[in-house]
């Protein structure tokens, strides 16, 4: 199960919509407006992906895509600022 106390460089295996598993490395985790986000990089690929880390009402932890454009903009800006510091 996922845990928000992940350390950077941890490897994760995520399953896509087609049921295929993909291995990712945790690059960074950070907070924006009291929400937690993680930056993952697929093993063997240079592209980085940002997911929102959430818990449902039962305490289950999962990653979800950021669908709100305004939220996406704030998160990307915050991550880019961290990268340039």
Protein backbone atom coordinates (compact mmCIF):
# COMPACT_ATOMS: atom_id res chain seq x y z
CA UNK A 1 0.00 0.00 0.00
CA UNK A 2 1.13 3.54 -0.61
CA UNK A 3 2.25 5.81 2.15
CA UNK A 4 2.80 9.54 2.18
CA UNK A 5 6.03 8.96 4.10
CA UNK A 6 7.74 7.65 0.96
CA UNK A 7 11.35 8.62 0.57
CA UNK A 8 12.69 10.00 -2.69
CA UNK A 9 14.15 7.41 -5.09
CA UNK A 10 11.62 4.77 -3.96
CA UNK A 11 10.44 2.54 -6.81
CA UNK A 12 6.71 2.07 -7.32
CA UNK A 13 4.75 -0.15 -9.66
CA UNK A 14 1.55 1.41 -10.98
CA UNK A 15 -1.11 -0.19 -13.13
CA UNK A 16 -2.62 1.72 -16.07
CA UNK A 17 -6.20 1.58 -17.37
CA UNK A 18 -5.35 -1.45 -19.53
CA UNK A 19 -3.99 -3.40 -16.56
CA UNK A 20 -0.35 -3.08 -17.60
CA UNK A 21 2.19 -2.47 -14.84
CA UNK A 22 4.80 0.29 -15.10
CA UNK A 23 7.72 0.95 -12.76
CA UNK A 24 8.28 4.51 -11.53
CA UNK A 25 10.81 6.25 -9.32
CA UNK A 26 9.65 8.87 -6.82
CA UNK A 27 11.48 12.09 -7.71
CA UNK A 28 9.87 14.54 -5.30
CA UNK A 29 6.93 15.00 -2.97
CA UNK A 30 5.61 18.39 -1.97
CA UNK A 31 2.58 20.30 -0.70
CA UNK A 32 0.56 23.03 -2.40
CA UNK A 33 -2.44 24.56 -0.59
CA UNK A 34 -2.45 21.74 2.02
CA UNK A 35 -2.64 19.03 -0.66
CA UNK A 36 0.17 16.53 -1.23
CA UNK A 37 1.64 15.85 -4.66
CA UNK A 38 4.29 13.47 -5.97
CA UNK A 39 6.52 13.68 -9.02
CA UNK A 40 7.21 10.29 -10.59
CA UNK A 41 9.48 9.29 -13.43
CA UNK A 42 8.89 6.08 -15.34
CA UNK A 43 11.96 3.83 -15.27
CA UNK A 44 13.74 4.10 -18.62
CA UNK A 45 12.01 7.37 -19.56
CA UNK A 46 12.97 11.00 -18.93
CA UNK A 47 9.41 12.30 -18.70
CA UNK A 48 8.16 13.22 -15.24
CA UNK A 49 4.52 12.93 -14.15
CA UNK A 50 2.81 14.76 -11.27
CA UNK A 51 0.02 13.06 -9.33
CA UNK A 52 -2.07 14.19 -6.38
CA UNK A 53 -1.75 11.96 -3.31
CA UNK A 54 -5.16 11.51 -1.66
CA UNK A 55 -6.91 9.48 1.01
CA UNK A 56 -10.55 8.51 0.73
CA UNK A 57 -13.05 8.46 3.59
CA UNK A 58 -11.94 4.91 4.49
CA UNK A 59 -8.29 5.94 4.80
CA UNK A 60 -7.26 4.22 1.56
CA UNK A 61 -4.35 6.00 -0.11
CA UNK A 62 -4.03 6.44 -3.86
CA UNK A 63 -2.67 8.66 -6.61
CA UNK A 64 -4.96 10.56 -8.95
CA UNK A 65 -4.49 12.72 -11.99
CA UNK A 66 -4.94 16.46 -11.60
CA UNK A 67 -7.89 17.33 -13.82
CA UNK A 68 -8.58 20.91 -12.69
CA UNK A 69 -6.58 23.28 -14.92
CA UNK A 70 -6.22 25.96 -12.24
CA UNK A 71 -4.94 23.43 -9.69
CA UNK A 72 -2.59 21.97 -12.33
CA UNK A 73 -1.14 25.42 -13.01
CA UNK A 74 -0.49 26.10 -9.31
CA UNK A 75 1.15 22.69 -8.83
CA UNK A 76 3.40 22.96 -11.89
CA UNK A 77 4.43 26.51 -10.92
CA UNK A 78 5.28 25.39 -7.37
CA UNK A 79 7.30 22.43 -8.63
CA UNK A 80 9.21 24.56 -11.13
CA UNK A 81 10.04 27.09 -8.40
CA UNK A 82 11.47 24.27 -6.25
CA UNK A 83 13.55 23.01 -9.15
CA UNK A 84 15.13 26.43 -9.73
CA UNK A 85 16.02 27.05 -6.07
